[in-house]
Amino acid sequence: MMLGTVSWLFSPAIPGFGGSAIAAPAAAVTAGLPDFAELVERTGPAVVNIRTTEKMKAGPATPSNDDQEMQEFFRRYFGIPIPPQRPDRTPRNKKQPPPLEEEVPRGVGSGFILSADGYVMTNAHVVDGADEVYVKLTDKREFKAKIIGADKRTDVALVKIEGSSLPRLTIGDSNKIRVGEWVIAIGSPFDLDNTVTAGIISAKARDTGDYLPLIQTDVAVNPGNSGGPLINMRGEVIGINSQIYSRSGGYMGISFAIPIDEAIRVSEQLKASGKVTRGRIGVQIGEVTKDVAESLGMAKAQGALVQRVEPGSPAEKGGLQAGDIILKYNGIAIERLSDLPRLVGNTKPGTRASLTIWRKGASRELALLITEMESEKVAQKEDKKAKPDAVANALGLVVSDLTAAQKKELKVGSGVMVEAAEGAAARAGLRAGDLILQFNNTEVKDAKEFNALVGKAEPKKTVVLLVRRGDSSQFVPLRPNSQ
């Protein structure tokens, strides 16, 4: 895949996989430029090339361009068609045989052996859509592999080949990696088996998705490297090479790897059930900016803003509301927006979780029953407008009261509808049809009260509105009379 563009391109036994690993030496401090030769000799045999194919139905033979031109020549100058080159001798009353299936190449990638009995880890996008998967070892043996399971959210897949006493890699701890340490990648870029490249870890926990705090490196990774291991100087796998940042489709100096601890957690579920089960609470979340945090009386910008609560979800049943800011999940602080979906996703469905939230200037505790993640529901647009009983104010907003029918339809007890936005409000992105629920942590009952709150606001001081658009809510900072 491409990111903006991004392109896809233990010494102890692993629980559930077994087998003895290639021994990892004790940690050593590297002075000067490292020599990777011994490291590659030890780890290379456990890295595999993966090629995939798909079955295409071979239709009836059709004449080539040359045949068609010859037919036209005979027809034009001799008035007769050219005799058929391969006449169909099948009797007309005989049933035609079904079209044959032809196996055609689909793509290539990399992987590495997890266990001595043949479990292999790779990327989900390497095997996605494949009818057959073939795994080739460095000793030129090739096996037909069975796909045990693939998880697109984390881009991790587990396949199985029939073998024994296979070499396997030692699994490291991606939580202990350090920015600046040397790493190598082994894979099959452009279908060139067991190609080795080296570099350093450039950054940790780079957010590019809900469930992937990726490792960023400057190791050269190209199409075909996908699914191959990222290995530290101790010979341990710390990540799976998955993506590159590219504007050309090729390597441009930045690559990304899935942390191995995340990948192992996923692979264990894939081995057990063929799929990954994740928890959900049923909210849509957004970032808490510095302006929003200051306006709401928070010490710092942290947590996840609840923009929407899904009807009937664990969040709604537990008392969570749009505009709440989730500060902690099971006692773990939500420092970044991406922390929450990972923590919730890793929670077993059917268990209870505690939330610390910020609501109207104070923190409070909630308890939720986690359910299993399901497919996302399509948000429905709210297109009904309120009656134009509107009053202008210093924020550049013209708002109107909600009718009883609108409150019922929108499932709110109060709020005002934006009829028009100009000046500061327009620059902040507000528009007709938006619903304003709060003004500086105070619920807005009607247009009269809202305009009174705006009128009392200190000029040039930022105020925060809780604005709902469709099914999503967001805090919007504004300054009265702002130019």
Protein backbone atom coordinates (compact mmCIF):
# COMPACT_ATOMS: atom_id res chain seq x y z
CA MET A 1 0.00 0.00 0.00
CA MET A 2 1.10 3.61 -0.20
CA LEU A 3 1.15 6.24 2.57
CA GLY A 4 0.43 9.76 0.99
CA THR A 5 1.67 7.98 -0.62
CA VAL A 6 2.50 4.95 1.62
CA SER A 7 3.17 1.72 -0.29
CA TRP A 8 2.65 -1.84 0.78
CA LEU A 9 4.65 -3.07 -1.12
CA PHE A 10 13.00 -15.87 22.26
CA SER A 11 14.92 -17.65 23.00
CA PRO A 12 11.80 -19.02 24.75
CA ALA A 13 9.33 -20.75 22.42
CA ILE A 14 6.45 -18.66 21.12
CA PRO A 15 3.26 -19.62 22.98
CA GLY A 16 1.24 -21.93 20.80
CA PHE A 17 3.93 -22.43 18.13
CA GLY A 18 6.72 -24.42 19.82
CA GLY A 19 10.01 -25.48 18.30
CA SER A 20 13.50 -24.32 19.06
CA ALA A 21 14.64 -20.93 17.83
CA ILE A 22 17.94 -19.88 16.37
CA ALA A 23 19.93 -18.92 19.45
CA ALA A 24 20.31 -15.18 20.04
CA PRO A 25 23.62 -13.95 21.44
CA ALA A 26 23.84 -11.62 24.42
CA ALA A 27 23.34 -7.93 23.75
CA ALA A 28 26.48 -6.20 22.56
CA VAL A 29 27.38 -2.55 22.10
CA THR A 30 28.39 -1.89 18.51
CA ALA A 31 31.39 0.41 18.07
CA GLY A 32 31.70 2.05 14.67
CA LEU A 33 29.96 0.57 11.66
CA PRO A 34 28.59 -2.93 12.35
CA ASP A 35 29.42 -6.06 10.41
CA PHE A 36 26.15 -7.73 9.46
CA ALA A 37 27.65 -10.81 7.79
CA GLU A 38 27.36 -13.22 10.74
CA LEU A 39 23.90 -11.90 11.59
CA VAL A 40 22.67 -12.53 8.05
CA GLU A 41 24.17 -16.04 7.98
CA ARG A 42 22.27 -16.97 11.14
CA THR A 43 18.92 -15.39 10.34
CA GLY A 44 18.72 -15.64 6.54
CA PRO A 45 17.65 -19.31 6.33
CA ALA A 46 14.41 -18.54 8.21
CA VAL A 47 13.35 -15.82 5.75
CA VAL A 48 11.19 -17.01 2.86
CA ASN A 49 9.97 -15.83 -0.51
CA ILE A 50 6.20 -15.89 -0.99
CA ARG A 51 4.53 -15.93 -4.39
CA THR A 52 0.80 -16.02 -4.97
CA THR A 53 -1.34 -17.05 -7.90
CA GLU A 54 -4.98 -16.86 -8.90
CA LYS A 55 -7.05 -19.10 -11.09
CA MET A 56 -8.40 -17.61 -14.29
CA LYS A 57 -10.92 -19.32 -16.54
CA ALA A 58 -9.51 -19.85 -20.03
CA GLY A 59 -12.23 -18.90 -22.50
CA PRO A 60 -12.64 -20.16 -26.11
CA ALA A 61 -9.80 -19.33 -28.45
CA THR A 62 -10.26 -16.11 -30.38
CA PRO A 63 -8.55 -15.21 -33.62
CA SER A 64 -5.46 -13.04 -33.38
CA ASN A 65 -5.07 -9.70 -35.14
CA ASP A 66 -3.03 -11.40 -37.87
CA ASP A 67 -5.78 -13.97 -38.43
CA GLN A 68 -8.41 -11.25 -38.66
CA GLU A 69 -6.35 -9.25 -41.15
CA MET A 70 -5.87 -12.36 -43.32
CA GLN A 71 -9.60 -13.08 -43.19
CA GLU A 72 -10.30 -9.54 -44.36
CA PHE A 73 -7.72 -9.91 -47.21
CA PHE A 74 -9.34 -13.10 -48.56
CA ARG A 75 -12.85 -11.68 -48.22
CA ARG A 76 -11.99 -8.42 -50.03
CA TYR A 77 -9.89 -9.76 -52.91
CA PHE A 78 -11.18 -13.29 -53.40
CA GLY A 79 -14.71 -13.04 -52.08
CA ILE A 80 -14.22 -16.07 -49.85
CA PRO A 81 -13.27 -16.44 -46.21
CA ILE A 82 -9.94 -17.99 -45.30
CA PRO A 83 -10.26 -21.64 -44.29
CA PRO A 84 -10.23 -21.98 -40.50
CA GLN A 85 -6.73 -22.70 -39.15
CA ARG A 86 -7.98 -25.01 -36.37
CA PRO A 87 -11.46 -26.18 -37.37
CA ASP A 88 -13.85 -27.00 -34.57
CA ARG A 89 -14.65 -30.68 -35.12
CA THR A 90 -17.05 -30.91 -32.19
CA PRO A 91 -20.51 -32.02 -33.39
CA ARG A 92 -23.10 -29.30 -33.00
CA ASN A 93 -25.31 -31.49 -30.85
CA LYS A 94 -22.47 -32.37 -28.48
CA LYS A 95 -22.13 -30.41 -25.20
CA GLN A 96 -19.10 -28.11 -25.11
CA PRO A 97 -16.57 -28.88 -22.32
CA PRO A 98 -16.41 -26.32 -19.49
CA PRO A 99 -13.66 -23.70 -19.75
CA LEU A 100 -10.36 -24.72 -18.17
CA GLU A 101 -8.86 -22.88 -15.19
CA GLU A 102 -5.41 -21.46 -15.65
CA GLU A 103 -3.17 -20.55 -12.71
CA VAL A 104 -1.56 -17.15 -13.31
CA PRO A 105 0.98 -15.23 -11.18
CA ARG A 106 -0.53 -12.63 -8.88
CA GLY A 107 2.25 -11.16 -6.76
CA VAL A 108 5.35 -11.75 -4.67
CA GLY A 109 6.29 -10.90 -1.11
CA SER A 110 8.33 -12.09 1.83
CA GLY A 111 7.80 -13.80 5.15
CA PHE A 112 9.63 -15.58 7.95
CA ILE A 113 9.24 -18.89 9.73
CA LEU A 114 7.74 -18.71 13.23
CA SER A 115 7.95 -22.35 14.23
CA ALA A 116 9.88 -25.48 13.34
CA ASP A 117 6.68 -27.17 12.13
CA GLY A 118 6.01 -24.59 9.42
CA TYR A 119 3.99 -21.60 10.61
CA VAL A 120 5.01 -18.55 8.54
CA MET A 121 4.18 -14.90 9.19
CA THR A 122 3.69 -12.32 6.43
CA ASN A 123 1.49 -9.34 5.54
CA ALA A 124 -2.22 -9.72 4.94
CA HIS A 125 -1.96 -7.72 1.72
CA VAL A 126 0.60 -10.21 0.37
CA VAL A 127 -1.90 -13.10 0.41
CA ASP A 128 -5.12 -11.13 0.00
CA GLY A 129 -7.17 -12.47 -2.92
CA ALA A 130 -4.77 -15.32 -3.68
CA ASP A 131 -6.06 -18.74 -4.72
CA GLU A 132 -2.72 -20.43 -4.08
CA VAL A 133 0.26 -19.42 -1.94
CA TYR A 134 3.75 -20.84 -2.45
CA VAL A 135 6.60 -20.51 0.06
CA LYS A 136 10.21 -20.92 -1.10
CA LEU A 137 13.11 -21.41 1.33
CA THR A 138 16.72 -20.40 0.79
CA ASP A 139 17.63 -24.05 0.10
CA LYS A 140 15.33 -23.83 -2.97
CA ARG A 141 12.60 -26.06 -1.49
CA GLU A 142 9.14 -24.79 -2.33
CA PHE A 143 5.92 -25.63 -0.47
CA LYS A 144 2.28 -24.98 -1.19
CA ALA A 145 0.99 -23.07 1.85
CA LYS A 146 -2.39 -22.96 3.54
CA ILE A 147 -3.69 -19.57 4.68
CA ILE A 148 -4.56 -19.95 8.37
CA GLY A 149 -5.93 -16.44 8.67
CA ALA A 150 -5.36 -12.79 7.74
CA ASP A 151 -6.21 -9.58 9.57
CA LYS A 152 -6.46 -6.54 7.31
CA ARG A 153 -6.67 -4.05 10.19
CA THR A 154 -3.14 -4.88 11.30
CA ASP A 155 -1.95 -6.26 7.94
CA VAL A 156 -0.80 -9.53 9.54
CA ALA A 157 -1.30 -12.98 8.02
CA LEU A 158 -0.38 -16.49 9.14
CA VAL A 159 0.22 -19.33 6.64
CA LYS A 160 1.27 -22.95 7.19
CA ILE A 161 3.59 -25.22 5.24
CA GLU A 162 4.12 -28.92 5.88
CA GLY A 163 7.63 -29.32 7.23
CA SER A 164 9.66 -30.24 10.29
CA SER A 165 12.87 -29.05 11.92
CA LEU A 166 12.62 -25.83 9.92
CA PRO A 167 14.83 -22.88 10.89
CA ARG A 168 12.93 -20.15 12.68
CA LEU A 169 13.69 -16.68 13.93
CA THR A 170 13.92 -15.52 17.53
CA ILE A 171 11.13 -13.14 18.54
CA GLY A 172 12.28 -9.91 20.17
CA ASP A 173 10.52 -7.24 22.23
CA SER A 174 9.42 -4.28 20.14
CA ASN A 175 8.67 -2.31 23.33
CA LYS A 176 12.40 -2.18 24.06
CA ILE A 177 13.58 -0.79 20.75
CA ARG A 178 15.49 2.49 20.75
CA VAL A 179 15.59 5.23 18.16
CA GLY A 180 18.98 5.14 16.50
CA GLU A 181 19.74 1.43 16.91
CA TRP A 182 20.90 -0.57 13.90
CA VAL A 183 18.47 -2.95 12.18
CA ILE A 184 18.41 -5.00 8.98
CA ALA A 185 15.63 -6.09 6.63
CA ILE A 186 15.70 -9.35 4.68
CA GLY A 187 13.23 -10.03 1.93
CA SER A 188 12.55 -10.38 -1.78
CA PRO A 189 12.37 -6.88 -3.29
CA PHE A 190 11.44 -7.11 -6.97
CA ASP A 191 11.46 -10.93 -6.48
CA LEU A 192 15.20 -10.93 -5.65
CA ASP A 193 15.37 -13.61 -2.94
CA ASN A 194 17.10 -12.95 0.38
CA THR A 195 18.17 -9.39 -0.28
CA VAL A 196 19.62 -7.68 2.81
CA THR A 197 19.41 -3.94 3.55
CA ALA A 198 20.40 -2.07 6.70
CA GLY A 199 19.67 1.17 8.52
CA ILE A 200 18.52 2.55 11.85
CA ILE A 201 15.23 3.00 13.66
CA SER A 202 14.12 6.55 12.89
CA ALA A 203 11.05 6.78 15.16
CA LYS A 204 8.79 4.66 17.36
CA ALA A 205 5.01 4.42 17.55
CA ARG A 206 4.37 6.33 14.33
CA ASP A 207 0.59 6.60 13.96
CA THR A 208 -0.69 5.60 10.53
CA GLY A 209 -3.79 3.62 11.54
CA ASP A 210 -6.12 2.72 14.40
CA TYR A 211 -4.31 -0.48 15.30
CA LEU A 212 -0.76 0.05 14.03
CA PRO A 213 1.75 2.13 16.00
CA LEU A 214 4.40 1.51 13.35
CA ILE A 215 8.18 1.46 13.66
CA GLN A 216 9.78 3.96 11.27
CA THR A 217 13.21 3.17 9.80
CA ASP A 218 15.52 4.32 7.03
CA VAL A 219 16.10 0.72 5.90
CA ALA A 220 15.67 0.33 2.13
CA VAL A 221 12.37 -1.49 1.56
CA ASN A 222 10.83 -1.96 -1.88
CA PRO A 223 7.92 -3.87 -3.48
CA GLY A 224 8.42 -7.53 -2.57
CA ASN A 225 9.88 -6.76 0.87
CA SER A 226 6.38 -6.77 2.35
CA GLY A 227 6.04 -9.39 5.07
CA GLY A 228 9.77 -9.79 5.64
CA PRO A 229 11.38 -9.38 9.08
CA LEU A 230 13.00 -6.31 10.60
CA ILE A 231 15.86 -7.73 12.69
CA ASN A 232 17.95 -6.11 15.45
CA MET A 233 21.65 -6.68 16.13
CA ARG A 234 20.84 -9.61 18.46
CA GLY A 235 19.20 -11.49 15.62
CA GLU A 236 15.68 -10.95 16.95
CA VAL A 237 12.64 -10.04 14.89
CA ILE A 238 11.24 -6.75 16.14
CA GLY A 239 8.88 -5.96 13.27
CA ILE A 240 7.33 -6.95 9.94
CA ASN A 241 8.22 -4.68 7.01
CA SER A 242 4.90 -3.45 5.69
CA GLN A 243 4.87 0.00 4.11
CA ILE A 244 7.02 2.70 2.54
CA TYR A 245 6.52 6.42 2.14
CA SER A 246 6.79 7.12 -1.55
CA ARG A 247 5.78 9.59 -4.22
CA SER A 248 7.22 7.44 -6.98
CA GLY A 249 6.13 3.92 -5.94
CA GLY A 250 9.68 3.04 -4.89
CA TYR A 251 11.78 3.54 -1.78
CA MET A 252 12.44 7.18 -0.84
CA GLY A 253 14.24 6.87 2.50
CA ILE A 254 11.38 6.05 4.90
CA SER A 255 9.86 2.65 5.63
CA PHE A 256 7.51 1.29 8.27
CA ALA A 257 7.29 -2.01 10.14
CA ILE A 258 4.55 -3.57 12.28
CA PRO A 259 5.80 -4.08 15.89
CA ILE A 260 6.32 -7.79 16.48
CA ASP A 261 4.47 -7.83 19.79
CA GLU A 262 1.32 -6.64 18.00
CA ALA A 263 1.89 -9.16 15.20
CA ILE A 264 2.38 -12.11 17.58
CA ARG A 265 -0.80 -11.22 19.49
CA VAL A 266 -2.71 -11.25 16.21
CA SER A 267 -1.07 -14.44 14.93
CA GLU A 268 -2.01 -16.34 18.10
CA GLN A 269 -5.68 -15.49 17.51
CA LEU A 270 -5.40 -16.38 13.84
CA LYS A 271 -3.93 -19.76 14.73
CA ALA A 272 -6.63 -20.45 17.32
CA SER A 273 -9.71 -19.37 15.35
CA GLY A 274 -8.66 -18.04 11.93
CA LYS A 275 -9.79 -14.53 12.83
CA VAL A 276 -9.10 -11.70 15.28
CA THR A 277 -11.71 -10.75 17.87
CA ARG A 278 -11.67 -7.14 19.08
CA GLY A 279 -13.60 -5.21 21.67
CA ARG A 280 -15.70 -2.16 20.91
CA ILE A 281 -17.58 0.49 22.87
CA GLY A 282 -19.38 2.23 19.98
CA VAL A 283 -18.00 5.76 19.81
CA GLN A 284 -16.53 8.05 17.18
CA ILE A 285 -13.62 10.04 18.57
CA GLY A 286 -11.57 13.11 17.71
CA GLU A 287 -8.48 14.95 18.87
CA VAL A 288 -8.38 17.25 21.90
CA THR A 289 -6.52 20.37 20.80
CA LYS A 290 -4.67 22.80 23.07
CA ASP A 291 -7.32 25.50 22.60
CA VAL A 292 -10.11 23.09 23.48
CA ALA A 293 -8.27 21.79 26.56
CA GLU A 294 -7.62 25.30 27.88
CA SER A 295 -11.19 26.44 27.27
CA LEU A 296 -12.58 23.39 29.08
CA GLY A 297 -10.33 23.90 32.11
CA MET A 298 -8.08 20.90 31.46
CA ALA A 299 -4.46 20.97 32.61
CA LYS A 300 -3.17 19.79 29.21
CA ALA A 301 -4.34 18.57 25.83
CA GLN A 302 -4.87 14.83 26.21
CA GLY A 303 -7.50 12.15 25.87
CA ALA A 304 -10.01 11.35 23.14
CA LEU A 305 -13.01 13.55 22.41
CA VAL A 306 -16.28 11.65 22.02
CA GLN A 307 -17.82 13.02 18.82
CA ARG A 308 -20.63 10.52 18.51
CA VAL A 309 -22.16 7.78 20.63
CA GLU A 310 -23.69 4.92 18.69
CA PRO A 311 -27.32 4.21 19.69
CA GLY A 312 -27.65 1.02 21.73
CA SER A 313 -23.88 0.71 22.09
CA PRO A 314 -21.94 -0.11 25.29
CA ALA A 315 -20.96 3.58 25.42
CA GLU A 316 -24.59 4.76 25.43
CA LYS A 317 -25.62 2.14 27.97
CA GLY A 318 -22.70 3.14 30.19
CA GLY A 319 -23.66 6.83 30.17
CA LEU A 320 -21.05 8.21 27.74
CA GLN A 321 -22.15 11.37 25.90
CA ALA A 322 -21.01 13.36 22.90
CA GLY A 323 -18.63 16.04 24.18
CA ASP A 324 -17.11 13.85 26.88
CA ILE A 325 -13.34 13.51 26.85
CA ILE A 326 -12.01 10.05 27.73
CA LEU A 327 -8.90 10.53 29.87
CA LYS A 328 -8.21 6.95 31.02
CA TYR A 329 -9.20 3.44 29.99
CA ASN A 330 -8.86 0.80 32.71
CA GLY A 331 -6.53 3.16 34.54
CA ILE A 332 -4.25 3.72 31.52
CA ALA A 333 -3.90 7.36 30.46
CA ILE A 334 -4.99 8.24 26.92
CA GLU A 335 -2.10 10.46 25.87
CA ARG A 336 -2.88 10.33 22.15
CA LEU A 337 -6.05 9.82 20.17
CA SER A 338 -4.79 6.49 18.78
CA ASP A 339 -4.30 5.00 22.26
CA LEU A 340 -8.02 4.42 22.87
CA PRO A 341 -8.96 2.20 19.88
CA ARG A 342 -5.90 0.02 20.53
CA LEU A 343 -6.73 -0.45 24.20
CA VAL A 344 -10.41 -1.13 23.48
CA GLY A 345 -9.58 -3.43 20.58
CA ASN A 346 -7.29 -5.51 22.79
CA THR A 347 -10.03 -5.98 25.41
CA LYS A 348 -11.84 -9.31 25.39
CA PRO A 349 -15.55 -8.92 24.53
CA GLY A 350 -17.81 -9.63 27.50
CA THR A 351 -15.51 -8.02 30.06
CA ARG A 352 -16.09 -4.74 31.89
CA ALA A 353 -13.90 -1.69 31.49
CA SER A 354 -13.61 1.49 33.53
CA LEU A 355 -13.39 4.93 31.95
CA THR A 356 -12.26 8.22 33.46
CA ILE A 357 -13.89 11.07 31.55
CA TRP A 358 -13.91 14.86 31.61
CA ARG A 359 -17.39 16.39 31.51
CA LYS A 360 -18.37 20.00 32.21
CA GLY A 361 -15.22 20.92 34.07
CA ALA A 362 -14.86 17.83 36.25
CA SER A 363 -13.73 14.23 35.94
CA ARG A 364 -15.98 11.27 36.65
CA GLU A 365 -15.87 7.47 36.40
CA LEU A 366 -17.97 5.24 34.14
CA ALA A 367 -18.12 1.46 33.65
CA LEU A 368 -18.87 -0.19 30.30
CA LEU A 369 -19.50 -3.76 29.16
CA ILE A 370 -17.27 -4.40 26.12
CA THR A 371 -18.88 -6.08 23.12
CA GLU A 372 -17.34 -7.59 19.99
CA MET A 373 -16.43 -5.28 17.14
CA GLU A 374 -18.80 -5.39 14.21
CA SER A 375 -18.84 -3.78 10.79
CA GLU A 376 -19.16 -0.03 10.84
CA LYS A 377 -22.58 1.41 10.29
CA VAL A 378 -23.13 3.98 7.59
CA ALA A 379 -23.82 7.37 9.12
CA GLN A 380 -27.14 8.88 8.12
CA LYS A 381 -27.31 12.52 7.25
CA GLU A 382 -29.71 14.83 9.05
CA ASP A 383 -31.13 17.14 6.46
CA LYS A 384 -34.18 18.68 8.10
CA LYS A 385 -33.90 22.34 8.99
CA ALA A 386 -35.41 24.33 11.85
CA LYS A 387 -37.82 27.13 11.34
CA PRO A 388 -36.06 30.42 10.63
CA ASP A 389 -36.64 32.04 14.04
CA ALA A 390 -33.03 33.29 14.07
CA VAL A 391 -30.96 35.95 15.84
CA ALA A 392 -27.50 37.19 14.83
CA ASN A 393 -24.61 37.29 17.35
CA ALA A 394 -20.96 38.34 17.77
CA LEU A 395 -19.63 34.96 16.65
CA GLY A 396 -21.11 35.45 13.20
CA LEU A 397 -23.80 32.83 13.81
CA VAL A 398 -27.48 32.95 13.04
CA VAL A 399 -29.22 30.23 15.04
CA SER A 400 -32.77 29.03 15.63
CA ASP A 401 -34.64 26.93 18.17
CA LEU A 402 -35.27 23.23 17.60
CA THR A 403 -38.82 22.03 17.25
CA ALA A 404 -40.09 19.15 19.37
CA ALA A 405 -40.10 16.93 16.27
CA GLN A 406 -36.47 17.80 15.51
CA LYS A 407 -35.39 17.08 19.07
CA LYS A 408 -37.04 13.69 18.85
CA GLU A 409 -35.52 12.95 15.46
CA LEU A 410 -32.05 14.10 16.50
CA LYS A 411 -32.36 12.45 19.93
CA VAL A 412 -31.34 15.57 21.86
CA GLY A 413 -32.98 17.43 24.72
CA SER A 414 -31.66 20.85 23.82
CA GLY A 415 -29.49 22.79 21.39
CA VAL A 416 -29.82 25.29 18.55
CA MET A 417 -29.59 24.94 14.80
CA VAL A 418 -27.20 27.04 12.71
CA GLU A 419 -29.12 28.86 9.98
CA ALA A 420 -26.15 30.86 8.68
CA ALA A 421 -22.46 31.36 9.49
CA GLU A 422 -20.16 34.24 8.61
CA GLY A 423 -17.03 35.90 9.95
CA ALA A 424 -15.30 33.92 12.73
CA ALA A 425 -17.85 31.08 12.59
CA ALA A 426 -17.45 30.62 8.84
CA ARG A 427 -13.65 30.67 9.10
CA ALA A 428 -13.87 27.96 11.77
CA GLY A 429 -15.83 25.78 9.34
CA LEU A 430 -19.35 26.11 10.78
CA ARG A 431 -22.21 26.03 8.32
CA ALA A 432 -25.99 25.93 8.06
CA GLY A 433 -27.45 22.72 9.46
CA ASP A 434 -24.88 22.31 12.25
CA LEU A 435 -26.28 21.70 15.72
CA ILE A 436 -24.76 23.60 18.69
CA LEU A 437 -25.13 21.65 21.93
CA GLN A 438 -22.81 23.44 24.39
CA PHE A 439 -21.17 26.81 24.96
CA ASN A 440 -18.07 26.61 27.22
CA ASN A 441 -19.31 23.44 28.96
CA THR A 442 -22.83 24.90 29.39
CA GLU A 443 -25.73 23.16 27.67
CA VAL A 444 -27.54 25.41 25.21
CA LYS A 445 -31.32 25.30 25.69
CA ASP A 446 -32.50 27.69 23.01
CA ALA A 447 -31.45 30.52 20.71
CA LYS A 448 -32.22 33.23 23.25
CA GLU A 449 -29.96 31.67 25.88
CA PHE A 450 -27.21 30.98 23.35
CA ASN A 451 -27.12 34.58 22.15
CA ALA A 452 -27.08 35.77 25.76
CA LEU A 453 -24.04 33.58 26.49
CA VAL A 454 -22.30 34.93 23.40
CA GLY A 455 -23.08 38.49 24.45
CA LYS A 456 -21.52 37.94 27.90
CA ALA A 457 -18.35 36.38 26.50
CA GLU A 458 -15.16 38.40 26.93
CA PRO A 459 -14.07 39.89 23.58
CA LYS A 460 -10.93 38.39 22.08
CA LYS A 461 -11.09 35.42 24.48
CA THR A 462 -11.58 31.99 22.97
CA VAL A 463 -14.88 30.23 23.58
CA VAL A 464 -15.60 26.60 22.74
CA LEU A 465 -18.76 25.30 21.12
CA LEU A 466 -19.75 21.64 21.03
CA VAL A 467 -21.00 21.27 17.46
CA ARG A 468 -22.75 18.26 15.99
CA ARG A 469 -22.80 17.61 12.26
CA GLY A 470 -24.60 14.50 11.13
CA ASP A 471 -23.66 11.76 13.60
CA SER A 472 -20.41 13.39 14.71
CA SER A 473 -19.73 15.99 17.42
CA GLN A 474 -16.64 18.19 17.74
CA PHE A 475 -15.45 21.05 19.98
CA VAL A 476 -14.86 24.19 17.90
CA PRO A 477 -12.87 27.10 19.41
CA LEU A 478 -13.99 30.62 18.37
CA ARG A 479 -13.23 34.20 19.33
CA PRO A 480 -16.00 36.83 19.36
CA ASN A 481 -15.31 39.73 16.99
CA SER A 482 -12.30 37.78 15.64
CA GLN A 483 -10.92 39.19 12.41
